[in-house]
Amino acid sequence: MIPMTIDFKIKLKDALCCNDQDFLELHKNKYDINHRFADENNDSLLQYSIKNSETEVYKYLLSRGADLFIKNDLGEMILHSVIYSNKIERLDYLFQTYPSLTKIINDTNIEGITPILFSIIFEQKAFFDRFLQMGADIHLGEKEDVTPLHMACLIKFPDPKDNFEIVRTLVESGASVRLKTKNGHYPLTLAINNDFMDIAEYLFRIMYD
């Protein structure tokens, strides 16, 4: 590990946030490419930068061999981190450039949350669609057995149509409408409790028709 002063760590963060690739290249011998920020849940440089929608230096870090498979203290890896950016093109870049990432598409954080479930929590339908397309397991729930189908009946997207589309897509892809959470909630119950009446009607038909 390359020792760094507090002042240099601040400058390094600034360079990542400000898209200052020149600084990163000029001082590349002064920091470890897989350095972690202790005050950012031990995010690696790559994780920290790919979360930030205002910078593109994550590509530079990748070109220098940054580790794609590091997890931070929350158990989040690159496929979780990229969701924070709200930029689906970043996920597409990762899958196109590093197809081996499909091997960790169902990796969970410390709460048992997979990237596809994470995408619903953060109201990112484009990410949800891409993870599904790339083979994500839609049946995996987190520690409380909340699956993507349950979560789509809990989290209200800015456009309510997205909730319905996700629910329908999950059901048509084989998600069980009869799975309960550890608290005993069916997706139908959650939809009713959260005033998703179109979803509730749809799930009711699936369960009882």
N, C-alpha and C. Protein backbone atom coordinates (compact mmCIF):
# COMPACT_ATOMS: atom_id res chain seq x y z
N MET A 1 0.85 -1.21 0.00
CA MET A 1 0.00 0.00 0.00
C MET A 1 0.88 1.25 0.00
N ILE A 2 0.54 2.20 -0.87
CA ILE A 2 1.31 3.44 -0.96
C ILE A 2 0.80 4.43 0.10
N PRO A 3 1.66 4.90 1.01
CA PRO A 3 1.22 5.85 2.04
C PRO A 3 0.85 7.20 1.42
N MET A 4 -0.22 7.82 1.94
CA MET A 4 -0.66 9.11 1.42
C MET A 4 -0.96 10.05 2.58
N THR A 5 -0.66 11.32 2.39
CA THR A 5 -1.02 12.33 3.38
C THR A 5 -2.51 12.64 3.26
N ILE A 6 -3.05 13.22 4.32
CA ILE A 6 -4.46 13.63 4.29
C ILE A 6 -4.69 14.63 3.18
N ASP A 7 -3.75 15.56 3.01
CA ASP A 7 -3.87 16.58 1.96
C ASP A 7 -3.94 15.94 0.58
N PHE A 8 -3.12 14.93 0.34
CA PHE A 8 -3.13 14.29 -0.97
C PHE A 8 -4.42 13.50 -1.18
N LYS A 9 -4.94 12.89 -0.13
CA LYS A 9 -6.20 12.16 -0.25
C LYS A 9 -7.33 13.09 -0.66
N ILE A 10 -7.31 14.30 -0.10
CA ILE A 10 -8.33 15.30 -0.47
C ILE A 10 -8.18 15.68 -1.93
N LYS A 11 -6.95 15.90 -2.36
CA LYS A 11 -6.71 16.25 -3.76
C LYS A 11 -7.09 15.11 -4.69
N LEU A 12 -6.86 13.89 -4.26
CA LEU A 12 -7.22 12.72 -5.06
C LEU A 12 -8.73 12.64 -5.22
N LYS A 13 -9.45 12.87 -4.15
CA LYS A 13 -10.91 12.89 -4.23
C LYS A 13 -11.40 13.98 -5.17
N ASP A 14 -10.80 15.15 -5.04
CA ASP A 14 -11.18 16.27 -5.90
C ASP A 14 -10.95 15.92 -7.37
N ALA A 15 -9.85 15.27 -7.66
CA ALA A 15 -9.54 14.89 -9.04
C ALA A 15 -10.57 13.92 -9.58
N LEU A 16 -10.99 12.98 -8.75
CA LEU A 16 -12.02 12.02 -9.17
C LEU A 16 -13.35 12.71 -9.43
N CYS A 17 -13.69 13.64 -8.56
CA CYS A 17 -14.98 14.34 -8.68
C CYS A 17 -15.00 15.33 -9.84
N CYS A 18 -13.84 15.91 -10.14
CA CYS A 18 -13.75 16.97 -11.16
C CYS A 18 -13.29 16.46 -12.52
N ASN A 19 -13.23 15.14 -12.65
CA ASN A 19 -12.85 14.55 -13.94
C ASN A 19 -11.44 14.95 -14.36
N ASP A 20 -10.56 15.09 -13.38
CA ASP A 20 -9.20 15.57 -13.64
C ASP A 20 -8.26 14.38 -13.90
N GLN A 21 -8.34 13.86 -15.10
CA GLN A 21 -7.50 12.72 -15.46
C GLN A 21 -6.02 13.10 -15.51
N ASP A 22 -5.74 14.35 -15.84
CA ASP A 22 -4.35 14.81 -15.89
C ASP A 22 -3.68 14.67 -14.52
N PHE A 23 -4.40 15.05 -13.47
CA PHE A 23 -3.87 14.92 -12.11
C PHE A 23 -3.62 13.45 -11.78
N LEU A 24 -4.58 12.61 -12.13
CA LEU A 24 -4.46 11.18 -11.82
C LEU A 24 -3.27 10.56 -12.53
N GLU A 25 -3.03 10.99 -13.77
CA GLU A 25 -1.90 10.46 -14.53
C GLU A 25 -0.58 11.01 -14.01
N LEU A 26 -0.55 12.31 -13.73
CA LEU A 26 0.68 12.95 -13.27
C LEU A 26 1.16 12.36 -11.94
N HIS A 27 0.20 12.01 -11.08
CA HIS A 27 0.56 11.54 -9.73
C HIS A 27 0.29 10.04 -9.55
N LYS A 28 0.27 9.30 -10.63
CA LYS A 28 -0.13 7.89 -10.55
C LYS A 28 0.78 7.03 -9.68
N ASN A 29 2.00 7.50 -9.45
CA ASN A 29 2.91 6.74 -8.59
C ASN A 29 2.75 7.07 -7.11
N LYS A 30 1.83 7.99 -6.82
CA LYS A 30 1.64 8.42 -5.44
C LYS A 30 0.41 7.79 -4.77
N TYR A 31 -0.32 6.98 -5.54
CA TYR A 31 -1.51 6.34 -4.96
C TYR A 31 -1.67 4.94 -5.53
N ASP A 32 -2.31 4.11 -4.76
CA ASP A 32 -2.63 2.74 -5.17
C ASP A 32 -3.89 2.79 -6.03
N ILE A 33 -3.89 2.13 -7.17
CA ILE A 33 -5.04 2.16 -8.07
C ILE A 33 -6.29 1.59 -7.40
N ASN A 34 -6.09 0.76 -6.38
CA ASN A 34 -7.22 0.18 -5.64
C ASN A 34 -7.36 0.77 -4.23
N HIS A 35 -6.84 1.99 -4.07
CA HIS A 35 -6.97 2.66 -2.77
C HIS A 35 -8.44 2.76 -2.38
N ARG A 36 -8.70 2.67 -1.09
CA ARG A 36 -10.06 2.78 -0.57
C ARG A 36 -10.19 4.02 0.33
N PHE A 37 -11.34 4.66 0.25
CA PHE A 37 -11.62 5.82 1.09
C PHE A 37 -12.35 5.35 2.35
N ALA A 38 -11.66 5.40 3.48
CA ALA A 38 -12.24 4.92 4.73
C ALA A 38 -13.50 5.69 5.11
N ASP A 39 -13.56 6.97 4.73
CA ASP A 39 -14.72 7.79 5.07
C ASP A 39 -15.86 7.65 4.07
N GLU A 40 -15.72 6.76 3.11
CA GLU A 40 -16.77 6.50 2.11
C GLU A 40 -17.12 5.01 2.11
N ASN A 41 -17.24 4.45 3.30
CA ASN A 41 -17.55 3.02 3.46
C ASN A 41 -16.52 2.13 2.77
N ASN A 42 -15.29 2.62 2.70
CA ASN A 42 -14.20 1.89 2.06
C ASN A 42 -14.45 1.65 0.57
N ASP A 43 -15.11 2.60 -0.07
CA ASP A 43 -15.21 2.57 -1.54
C ASP A 43 -13.82 2.59 -2.14
N SER A 44 -13.62 1.81 -3.19
CA SER A 44 -12.39 1.92 -3.97
C SER A 44 -12.47 3.18 -4.83
N LEU A 45 -11.35 3.57 -5.41
CA LEU A 45 -11.36 4.72 -6.32
C LEU A 45 -12.36 4.49 -7.44
N LEU A 46 -12.40 3.27 -7.95
CA LEU A 46 -13.32 2.94 -9.04
C LEU A 46 -14.77 3.07 -8.60
N GLN A 47 -15.10 2.52 -7.45
CA GLN A 47 -16.47 2.62 -6.96
C GLN A 47 -16.86 4.08 -6.71
N TYR A 48 -15.97 4.82 -6.08
CA TYR A 48 -16.25 6.22 -5.76
C TYR A 48 -16.50 7.04 -7.02
N SER A 49 -15.71 6.80 -8.05
CA SER A 49 -15.83 7.60 -9.27
C SER A 49 -17.01 7.17 -10.13
N ILE A 50 -17.30 5.88 -10.19
CA ILE A 50 -18.39 5.44 -11.07
C ILE A 50 -19.76 5.83 -10.51
N LYS A 51 -19.83 6.09 -9.20
CA LYS A 51 -21.07 6.57 -8.60
C LYS A 51 -21.39 8.01 -9.01
N ASN A 52 -20.35 8.78 -9.29
CA ASN A 52 -20.49 10.21 -9.55
C ASN A 52 -20.83 10.46 -11.01
N SER A 53 -22.02 10.97 -11.26
CA SER A 53 -22.48 11.17 -12.64
C SER A 53 -21.74 12.29 -13.36
N GLU A 54 -20.97 13.09 -12.61
CA GLU A 54 -20.31 14.26 -13.20
C GLU A 54 -18.90 13.98 -13.69
N THR A 55 -18.43 12.75 -13.53
CA THR A 55 -17.05 12.45 -13.91
C THR A 55 -16.97 11.16 -14.72
N GLU A 56 -15.99 11.11 -15.61
CA GLU A 56 -15.80 9.92 -16.45
C GLU A 56 -14.47 9.22 -16.15
N VAL A 57 -13.82 9.57 -15.06
CA VAL A 57 -12.49 9.02 -14.80
C VAL A 57 -12.50 7.53 -14.46
N TYR A 58 -13.68 6.97 -14.26
CA TYR A 58 -13.73 5.53 -13.99
C TYR A 58 -13.13 4.74 -15.14
N LYS A 59 -13.26 5.25 -16.37
CA LYS A 59 -12.68 4.55 -17.52
C LYS A 59 -11.16 4.58 -17.46
N TYR A 60 -10.62 5.70 -17.01
CA TYR A 60 -9.17 5.80 -16.85
C TYR A 60 -8.69 4.80 -15.80
N LEU A 61 -9.40 4.72 -14.69
CA LEU A 61 -9.01 3.79 -13.63
C LEU A 61 -9.08 2.34 -14.12
N LEU A 62 -10.09 2.04 -14.90
CA LEU A 62 -10.21 0.69 -15.46
C LEU A 62 -9.06 0.39 -16.42
N SER A 63 -8.68 1.40 -17.20
CA SER A 63 -7.59 1.20 -18.16
C SER A 63 -6.27 0.91 -17.45
N ARG A 64 -6.17 1.34 -16.21
CA ARG A 64 -4.96 1.11 -15.42
C ARG A 64 -5.04 -0.15 -14.56
N GLY A 65 -6.12 -0.89 -14.74
CA GLY A 65 -6.22 -2.18 -14.05
C GLY A 65 -6.91 -2.16 -12.71
N ALA A 66 -7.77 -1.17 -12.48
CA ALA A 66 -8.52 -1.14 -11.22
C ALA A 66 -9.33 -2.43 -11.06
N ASP A 67 -9.37 -2.94 -9.84
CA ASP A 67 -10.04 -4.20 -9.54
C ASP A 67 -11.56 -4.03 -9.62
N LEU A 68 -12.19 -4.80 -10.51
CA LEU A 68 -13.63 -4.73 -10.71
C LEU A 68 -14.41 -5.44 -9.60
N PHE A 69 -13.74 -6.27 -8.84
CA PHE A 69 -14.47 -7.17 -7.95
C PHE A 69 -14.35 -6.82 -6.47
N ILE A 70 -13.84 -5.63 -6.18
CA ILE A 70 -13.76 -5.16 -4.79
C ILE A 70 -15.16 -4.86 -4.25
N LYS A 71 -15.35 -5.18 -2.97
CA LYS A 71 -16.59 -4.80 -2.27
C LYS A 71 -16.24 -3.80 -1.17
N ASN A 72 -17.15 -2.85 -0.94
CA ASN A 72 -16.93 -1.90 0.14
C ASN A 72 -17.47 -2.46 1.46
N ASP A 73 -17.47 -1.65 2.50
CA ASP A 73 -17.90 -2.13 3.82
C ASP A 73 -19.39 -2.47 3.87
N LEU A 74 -20.15 -1.98 2.91
CA LEU A 74 -21.58 -2.30 2.83
C LEU A 74 -21.82 -3.56 2.00
N GLY A 75 -20.73 -4.14 1.51
CA GLY A 75 -20.84 -5.32 0.68
C GLY A 75 -21.20 -5.01 -0.76
N GLU A 76 -21.16 -3.73 -1.11
CA GLU A 76 -21.51 -3.33 -2.48
C GLU A 76 -20.31 -3.48 -3.40
N MET A 77 -20.57 -4.01 -4.60
CA MET A 77 -19.52 -4.10 -5.61
C MET A 77 -19.90 -3.21 -6.79
N ILE A 78 -19.15 -3.31 -7.86
CA ILE A 78 -19.28 -2.37 -8.97
C ILE A 78 -20.69 -2.30 -9.56
N LEU A 79 -21.41 -3.45 -9.60
CA LEU A 79 -22.75 -3.46 -10.18
C LEU A 79 -23.78 -2.81 -9.26
N HIS A 80 -23.47 -2.70 -7.99
CA HIS A 80 -24.29 -1.88 -7.10
C HIS A 80 -23.90 -0.40 -7.27
N SER A 81 -22.60 -0.15 -7.26
CA SER A 81 -22.10 1.23 -7.27
C SER A 81 -22.57 2.01 -8.48
N VAL A 82 -22.58 1.38 -9.65
CA VAL A 82 -22.91 2.10 -10.88
C VAL A 82 -24.34 2.61 -10.88
N ILE A 83 -25.22 1.99 -10.13
CA ILE A 83 -26.62 2.40 -10.08
C ILE A 83 -26.77 3.81 -9.52
N TYR A 84 -25.89 4.19 -8.59
CA TYR A 84 -25.95 5.53 -8.00
C TYR A 84 -25.79 6.63 -9.05
N SER A 85 -25.12 6.33 -10.15
CA SER A 85 -24.83 7.35 -11.17
C SER A 85 -26.06 7.74 -11.98
N ASN A 86 -27.08 6.90 -11.99
CA ASN A 86 -28.27 7.11 -12.82
C ASN A 86 -27.97 7.07 -14.31
N LYS A 87 -26.81 6.54 -14.68
CA LYS A 87 -26.41 6.52 -16.09
C LYS A 87 -26.31 5.08 -16.59
N ILE A 88 -27.34 4.66 -17.33
CA ILE A 88 -27.39 3.29 -17.82
C ILE A 88 -26.25 3.00 -18.78
N GLU A 89 -25.76 4.03 -19.47
CA GLU A 89 -24.66 3.80 -20.41
C GLU A 89 -23.40 3.31 -19.70
N ARG A 90 -23.26 3.63 -18.44
CA ARG A 90 -22.11 3.13 -17.69
C ARG A 90 -22.22 1.62 -17.45
N LEU A 91 -23.42 1.18 -17.13
CA LEU A 91 -23.61 -0.26 -16.96
C LEU A 91 -23.39 -0.98 -18.28
N ASP A 92 -23.90 -0.40 -19.36
CA ASP A 92 -23.69 -1.00 -20.68
C ASP A 92 -22.21 -1.10 -21.01
N TYR A 93 -21.47 -0.05 -20.69
CA TYR A 93 -20.02 -0.06 -20.93
C TYR A 93 -19.35 -1.19 -20.16
N LEU A 94 -19.74 -1.36 -18.91
CA LEU A 94 -19.14 -2.40 -18.09
C LEU A 94 -19.41 -3.79 -18.65
N PHE A 95 -20.65 -4.06 -19.01
CA PHE A 95 -20.99 -5.38 -19.54
C PHE A 95 -20.34 -5.64 -20.89
N GLN A 96 -20.28 -4.59 -21.73
CA GLN A 96 -19.69 -4.77 -23.06
C GLN A 96 -18.18 -4.97 -22.98
N THR A 97 -17.54 -4.25 -22.07
CA THR A 97 -16.08 -4.29 -21.97
C THR A 97 -15.59 -5.43 -21.09
N TYR A 98 -16.39 -5.78 -20.09
CA TYR A 98 -15.99 -6.82 -19.14
C TYR A 98 -17.13 -7.84 -18.98
N PRO A 99 -17.34 -8.68 -20.00
CA PRO A 99 -18.46 -9.64 -19.95
C PRO A 99 -18.41 -10.59 -18.76
N SER A 100 -17.24 -10.75 -18.15
CA SER A 100 -17.13 -11.64 -16.98
C SER A 100 -17.93 -11.12 -15.79
N LEU A 101 -18.37 -9.86 -15.85
CA LEU A 101 -19.17 -9.30 -14.76
C LEU A 101 -20.51 -10.02 -14.61
N THR A 102 -20.95 -10.70 -15.66
CA THR A 102 -22.21 -11.45 -15.54
C THR A 102 -22.10 -12.54 -14.47
N LYS A 103 -20.87 -12.95 -14.16
CA LYS A 103 -20.68 -13.99 -13.15
C LYS A 103 -21.02 -13.50 -11.74
N ILE A 104 -21.01 -12.19 -11.55
CA ILE A 104 -21.32 -11.65 -10.21
C ILE A 104 -22.61 -10.84 -10.22
N ILE A 105 -23.44 -11.07 -11.23
CA ILE A 105 -24.66 -10.27 -11.37
C ILE A 105 -25.64 -10.49 -10.22
N ASN A 106 -25.50 -11.63 -9.54
CA ASN A 106 -26.40 -11.91 -8.41
C ASN A 106 -25.71 -11.79 -7.05
N ASP A 107 -24.51 -11.20 -7.03
CA ASP A 107 -23.82 -10.98 -5.75
C ASP A 107 -24.62 -10.01 -4.89
N THR A 108 -24.61 -10.22 -3.61
CA THR A 108 -25.41 -9.39 -2.71
C THR A 108 -24.53 -8.53 -1.81
N ASN A 109 -25.14 -7.45 -1.30
CA ASN A 109 -24.46 -6.65 -0.29
C ASN A 109 -24.74 -7.26 1.08
N ILE A 110 -24.36 -6.59 2.15
CA ILE A 110 -24.50 -7.18 3.48
C ILE A 110 -25.96 -7.34 3.90
N GLU A 111 -26.87 -6.67 3.21
CA GLU A 111 -28.29 -6.81 3.49
C GLU A 111 -28.94 -7.88 2.61
N GLY A 112 -28.13 -8.53 1.78
CA GLY A 112 -28.65 -9.57 0.90
C GLY A 112 -29.28 -9.03 -0.37
N ILE A 113 -28.96 -7.79 -0.71
CA ILE A 113 -29.59 -7.12 -1.85
C ILE A 113 -28.76 -7.31 -3.11
N THR A 114 -29.37 -7.87 -4.13
CA THR A 114 -28.72 -8.05 -5.43
C THR A 114 -28.79 -6.75 -6.23
N PRO A 115 -27.99 -6.61 -7.28
CA PRO A 115 -28.07 -5.40 -8.10
C PRO A 115 -29.45 -5.14 -8.70
N ILE A 116 -30.15 -6.20 -9.14
CA ILE A 116 -31.47 -5.95 -9.75
C ILE A 116 -32.46 -5.44 -8.70
N LEU A 117 -32.35 -5.94 -7.48
CA LEU A 117 -33.20 -5.44 -6.39
C LEU A 117 -32.79 -4.01 -6.03
N PHE A 118 -31.51 -3.75 -6.03
CA PHE A 118 -30.97 -2.42 -5.76
C PHE A 118 -31.51 -1.41 -6.77
N SER A 119 -31.63 -1.82 -8.02
CA SER A 119 -32.10 -0.91 -9.07
C SER A 119 -33.54 -0.48 -8.83
N ILE A 120 -34.34 -1.35 -8.25
CA ILE A 120 -35.72 -1.00 -7.93
C ILE A 120 -35.76 -0.05 -6.74
N ILE A 121 -34.94 -0.33 -5.74
CA ILE A 121 -34.87 0.54 -4.56
C ILE A 121 -34.51 1.97 -4.96
N PHE A 122 -33.63 2.10 -5.97
CA PHE A 122 -33.20 3.42 -6.42
C PHE A 122 -34.00 3.94 -7.62
N GLU A 123 -35.12 3.27 -7.90
CA GLU A 123 -36.07 3.74 -8.91
C GLU A 123 -35.43 3.88 -10.28
N GLN A 124 -34.63 2.90 -10.65
CA GLN A 124 -33.89 2.94 -11.91
C GLN A 124 -34.38 1.82 -12.84
N LYS A 125 -35.45 2.10 -13.58
CA LYS A 125 -36.04 1.06 -14.42
C LYS A 125 -35.10 0.60 -15.52
N ALA A 126 -34.34 1.53 -16.10
CA ALA A 126 -33.42 1.15 -17.17
C ALA A 126 -32.39 0.14 -16.67
N PHE A 127 -31.91 0.34 -15.44
CA PHE A 127 -30.97 -0.62 -14.86
C PHE A 127 -31.66 -1.96 -14.61
N PHE A 128 -32.88 -1.90 -14.10
CA PHE A 128 -33.65 -3.13 -13.89
C PHE A 128 -33.76 -3.92 -15.19
N ASP A 129 -34.15 -3.23 -16.25
CA ASP A 129 -34.31 -3.89 -17.55
C ASP A 129 -33.02 -4.54 -18.02
N ARG A 130 -31.91 -3.83 -17.82
CA ARG A 130 -30.63 -4.37 -18.30
C ARG A 130 -30.18 -5.57 -17.48
N PHE A 131 -30.33 -5.49 -16.17
CA PHE A 131 -29.95 -6.63 -15.34
C PHE A 131 -30.79 -7.86 -15.69
N LEU A 132 -32.07 -7.65 -15.94
CA LEU A 132 -32.93 -8.76 -16.33
C LEU A 132 -32.46 -9.35 -17.65
N GLN A 133 -32.17 -8.47 -18.60
CA GLN A 133 -31.69 -8.90 -19.91
C GLN A 133 -30.40 -9.70 -19.80
N MET A 134 -29.55 -9.34 -18.85
CA MET A 134 -28.25 -9.99 -18.71
C MET A 134 -28.29 -11.24 -17.84
N GLY A 135 -29.49 -11.63 -17.41
CA GLY A 135 -29.63 -12.90 -16.72
C GLY A 135 -29.71 -12.86 -15.21
N ALA A 136 -30.05 -11.71 -14.64
CA ALA A 136 -30.16 -11.62 -13.18
C ALA A 136 -31.27 -12.53 -12.66
N ASP A 137 -31.06 -13.09 -11.49
CA ASP A 137 -32.04 -13.97 -10.85
C ASP A 137 -33.11 -13.13 -10.19
N ILE A 138 -34.34 -13.25 -10.66
CA ILE A 138 -35.44 -12.42 -10.14
C ILE A 138 -36.08 -13.02 -8.89
N HIS A 139 -35.64 -14.21 -8.50
CA HIS A 139 -36.27 -14.89 -7.37
C HIS A 139 -35.55 -14.64 -6.05
N LEU A 140 -34.37 -14.05 -6.10
CA LEU A 140 -33.58 -13.85 -4.89
C LEU A 140 -34.11 -12.68 -4.07
N GLY A 141 -34.36 -12.94 -2.79
CA GLY A 141 -34.78 -11.89 -1.88
C GLY A 141 -33.65 -11.50 -0.95
N GLU A 142 -33.83 -10.37 -0.25
CA GLU A 142 -32.82 -9.95 0.72
C GLU A 142 -33.08 -10.63 2.05
N LYS A 143 -32.49 -10.12 3.12
CA LYS A 143 -32.55 -10.80 4.41
C LYS A 143 -33.97 -10.99 4.94
N GLU A 144 -34.87 -10.10 4.55
CA GLU A 144 -36.26 -10.21 4.99
C GLU A 144 -37.14 -10.89 3.94
N ASP A 145 -36.48 -11.53 2.97
CA ASP A 145 -37.17 -12.25 1.88
C ASP A 145 -37.99 -11.32 0.98
N VAL A 146 -37.58 -10.07 0.92
CA VAL A 146 -38.19 -9.13 -0.02
C VAL A 146 -37.53 -9.34 -1.38
N THR A 147 -38.31 -9.79 -2.34
CA THR A 147 -37.82 -10.05 -3.69
C THR A 147 -38.04 -8.82 -4.57
N PRO A 148 -37.53 -8.83 -5.80
CA PRO A 148 -37.81 -7.71 -6.71
C PRO A 148 -39.31 -7.46 -6.88
N LEU A 149 -40.12 -8.52 -6.92
CA LEU A 149 -41.57 -8.33 -7.07
C LEU A 149 -42.15 -7.61 -5.86
N HIS A 150 -41.75 -8.01 -4.67
CA HIS A 150 -42.22 -7.30 -3.47
C HIS A 150 -41.79 -5.83 -3.51
N MET A 151 -40.53 -5.61 -3.87
CA MET A 151 -40.00 -4.24 -3.84
C MET A 151 -40.71 -3.35 -4.84
N ALA A 152 -41.08 -3.90 -5.99
CA ALA A 152 -41.79 -3.11 -7.00
C ALA A 152 -43.18 -2.72 -6.53
N CYS A 153 -43.67 -3.39 -5.50
CA CYS A 153 -44.96 -3.04 -4.90
C CYS A 153 -44.79 -2.16 -3.66
N LEU A 154 -43.56 -1.81 -3.36
CA LEU A 154 -43.24 -0.99 -2.19
C LEU A 154 -42.73 0.40 -2.56
N ILE A 155 -41.81 0.44 -3.51
CA ILE A 155 -41.13 1.68 -3.89
C ILE A 155 -41.89 2.37 -5.02
N LYS A 156 -42.27 3.62 -4.81
CA LYS A 156 -43.01 4.35 -5.84
C LYS A 156 -42.06 5.07 -6.77
N PHE A 157 -42.06 4.66 -8.03
CA PHE A 157 -41.25 5.32 -9.05
C PHE A 157 -41.87 6.67 -9.40
N PRO A 158 -41.07 7.61 -9.92
CA PRO A 158 -41.62 8.90 -10.35
C PRO A 158 -42.77 8.74 -11.34
N ASP A 159 -42.64 7.75 -12.24
CA ASP A 159 -43.71 7.41 -13.16
C ASP A 159 -44.33 6.10 -12.71
N PRO A 160 -45.55 6.12 -12.18
CA PRO A 160 -46.19 4.90 -11.67
C PRO A 160 -46.30 3.79 -12.71
N LYS A 161 -46.26 4.16 -13.98
CA LYS A 161 -46.32 3.13 -15.02
C LYS A 161 -45.12 2.20 -14.94
N ASP A 162 -44.00 2.73 -14.46
CA ASP A 162 -42.80 1.90 -14.33
C ASP A 162 -43.02 0.79 -13.31
N ASN A 163 -43.71 1.10 -12.23
CA ASN A 163 -44.02 0.06 -11.24
C ASN A 163 -44.81 -1.07 -11.87
N PHE A 164 -45.84 -0.70 -12.61
CA PHE A 164 -46.69 -1.72 -13.23
C PHE A 164 -45.90 -2.54 -14.24
N GLU A 165 -45.10 -1.86 -15.06
CA GLU A 165 -44.32 -2.56 -16.08
C GLU A 165 -43.33 -3.54 -15.45
N ILE A 166 -42.70 -3.13 -14.37
CA ILE A 166 -41.75 -4.01 -13.68
C ILE A 166 -42.48 -5.22 -13.10
N VAL A 167 -43.60 -4.98 -12.44
CA VAL A 167 -44.38 -6.09 -11.87
C VAL A 167 -44.81 -7.06 -12.96
N ARG A 168 -45.35 -6.53 -14.03
CA ARG A 168 -45.80 -7.41 -15.12
C ARG A 168 -44.64 -8.19 -15.72
N THR A 169 -43.51 -7.51 -15.93
CA THR A 169 -42.34 -8.18 -16.50
C THR A 169 -41.85 -9.29 -15.58
N LEU A 170 -41.82 -9.03 -14.29
CA LEU A 170 -41.37 -10.04 -13.33
C LEU A 170 -42.29 -11.25 -13.32
N VAL A 171 -43.59 -11.00 -13.30
CA VAL A 171 -44.56 -12.10 -13.29
C VAL A 171 -44.45 -12.92 -14.58
N GLU A 172 -44.34 -12.23 -15.71
CA GLU A 172 -44.23 -12.93 -16.98
C GLU A 172 -42.90 -13.68 -17.10
N SER A 173 -41.92 -13.27 -16.29
CA SER A 173 -40.61 -13.93 -16.29
C SER A 173 -40.53 -15.06 -15.26
N GLY A 174 -41.64 -15.30 -14.57
CA GLY A 174 -41.70 -16.43 -13.66
C GLY A 174 -41.68 -16.12 -12.17
N ALA A 175 -41.70 -14.84 -11.80
CA ALA A 175 -41.71 -14.50 -10.37
C ALA A 175 -43.01 -14.97 -9.73
N SER A 176 -42.91 -15.57 -8.56
CA SER A 176 -44.09 -16.09 -7.87
C SER A 176 -44.84 -14.98 -7.14
N VAL A 177 -46.14 -14.91 -7.40
CA VAL A 177 -46.97 -13.92 -6.72
C VAL A 177 -47.39 -14.40 -5.33
N ARG A 178 -47.03 -15.64 -5.01
CA ARG A 178 -47.44 -16.23 -3.73
C ARG A 178 -46.32 -16.32 -2.70
N LEU A 179 -45.19 -15.72 -3.02
CA LEU A 179 -44.09 -15.70 -2.05
C LEU A 179 -44.35 -14.64 -0.98
N LYS A 180 -44.14 -15.02 0.27
CA LYS A 180 -44.30 -14.08 1.38
C LYS A 180 -42.94 -13.57 1.85
N THR A 181 -42.93 -12.35 2.35
CA THR A 181 -41.76 -11.84 3.05
C THR A 181 -41.74 -12.47 4.45
N LYS A 182 -40.66 -12.23 5.20
CA LYS A 182 -40.59 -12.75 6.56
C LYS A 182 -41.68 -12.16 7.45
N ASN A 183 -42.19 -10.99 7.05
CA ASN A 183 -43.28 -10.37 7.80
C ASN A 183 -44.65 -10.87 7.36
N GLY A 184 -44.64 -11.81 6.41
CA GLY A 184 -45.89 -12.42 5.98
C GLY A 184 -46.64 -11.69 4.90
N HIS A 185 -45.95 -10.79 4.17
CA HIS A 185 -46.63 -9.99 3.15
C HIS A 185 -46.47 -10.59 1.76
N TYR A 186 -47.60 -10.75 1.08
CA TYR A 186 -47.59 -11.09 -0.33
C TYR A 186 -47.36 -9.80 -1.13
N PRO A 187 -46.91 -9.91 -2.38
CA PRO A 187 -46.84 -8.72 -3.24
C PRO A 187 -48.19 -8.00 -3.33
N LEU A 188 -49.28 -8.76 -3.41
CA LEU A 188 -50.61 -8.17 -3.50
C LEU A 188 -50.90 -7.30 -2.28
N THR A 189 -50.57 -7.78 -1.10
CA THR A 189 -50.78 -7.01 0.13
C THR A 189 -50.02 -5.69 0.09
N LEU A 190 -48.77 -5.76 -0.35
CA LEU A 190 -47.95 -4.55 -0.42
C LEU A 190 -48.50 -3.57 -1.44
N ALA A 191 -48.98 -4.08 -2.57
CA ALA A 191 -49.55 -3.21 -3.60
C ALA A 191 -50.77 -2.47 -3.06
N ILE A 192 -51.63 -3.18 -2.34
CA ILE A 192 -52.83 -2.56 -1.76
C ILE A 192 -52.43 -1.52 -0.72
N ASN A 193 -51.49 -1.87 0.14
CA ASN A 193 -51.07 -0.95 1.21
C ASN A 193 -50.43 0.32 0.67
N ASN A 194 -49.87 0.24 -0.54
CA ASN A 194 -49.19 1.40 -1.12
C ASN A 194 -49.98 2.05 -2.25
N ASP A 195 -51.28 1.72 -2.32
CA ASP A 195 -52.21 2.36 -3.27
C ASP A 195 -51.83 2.13 -4.73
N PHE A 196 -51.20 1.00 -5.02
CA PHE A 196 -50.96 0.61 -6.41
C PHE A 196 -52.15 -0.23 -6.86
N MET A 197 -53.27 0.43 -7.12
CA MET A 197 -54.49 -0.31 -7.37
C MET A 197 -54.46 -1.07 -8.70
N ASP A 198 -53.79 -0.50 -9.71
CA ASP A 198 -53.70 -1.23 -10.98
C ASP A 198 -52.86 -2.49 -10.80
N ILE A 199 -51.80 -2.39 -10.01
CA ILE A 199 -50.96 -3.56 -9.73
C ILE A 199 -51.74 -4.56 -8.89
N ALA A 200 -52.48 -4.07 -7.90
CA ALA A 200 -53.27 -4.96 -7.04
C ALA A 200 -54.29 -5.74 -7.86
N GLU A 201 -54.97 -5.06 -8.76
CA GLU A 201 -55.96 -5.73 -9.61
C GLU A 201 -55.29 -6.78 -10.49
N TYR A 202 -54.14 -6.44 -11.03
CA TYR A 202 -53.40 -7.37 -11.89
C TYR A 202 -52.97 -8.60 -11.10
N LEU A 203 -52.39 -8.40 -9.92
CA LEU A 203 -51.93 -9.52 -9.10
C LEU A 203 -53.10 -10.37 -8.61
N PHE A 204 -54.21 -9.72 -8.31
CA PHE A 204 -55.40 -10.46 -7.86
C PHE A 204 -55.87 -11.41 -8.96
N ARG A 205 -55.89 -10.92 -10.20
CA ARG A 205 -56.30 -11.77 -11.33
C ARG A 205 -55.35 -12.95 -11.49
N ILE A 206 -54.05 -12.68 -11.34
CA ILE A 206 -53.06 -13.75 -11.48
C ILE A 206 -53.26 -14.81 -10.40
N MET A 207 -53.56 -14.37 -9.19
CA MET A 207 -53.68 -15.30 -8.06
C MET A 207 -54.99 -16.07 -8.05
N TYR A 208 -56.07 -15.45 -8.52
CA TYR A 208 -57.38 -16.06 -8.28
C TYR A 208 -58.19 -16.37 -9.53
N ASP A 209 -57.75 -15.92 -10.69
CA ASP A 209 -58.50 -16.25 -11.91
C ASP A 209 -58.26 -17.71 -12.32
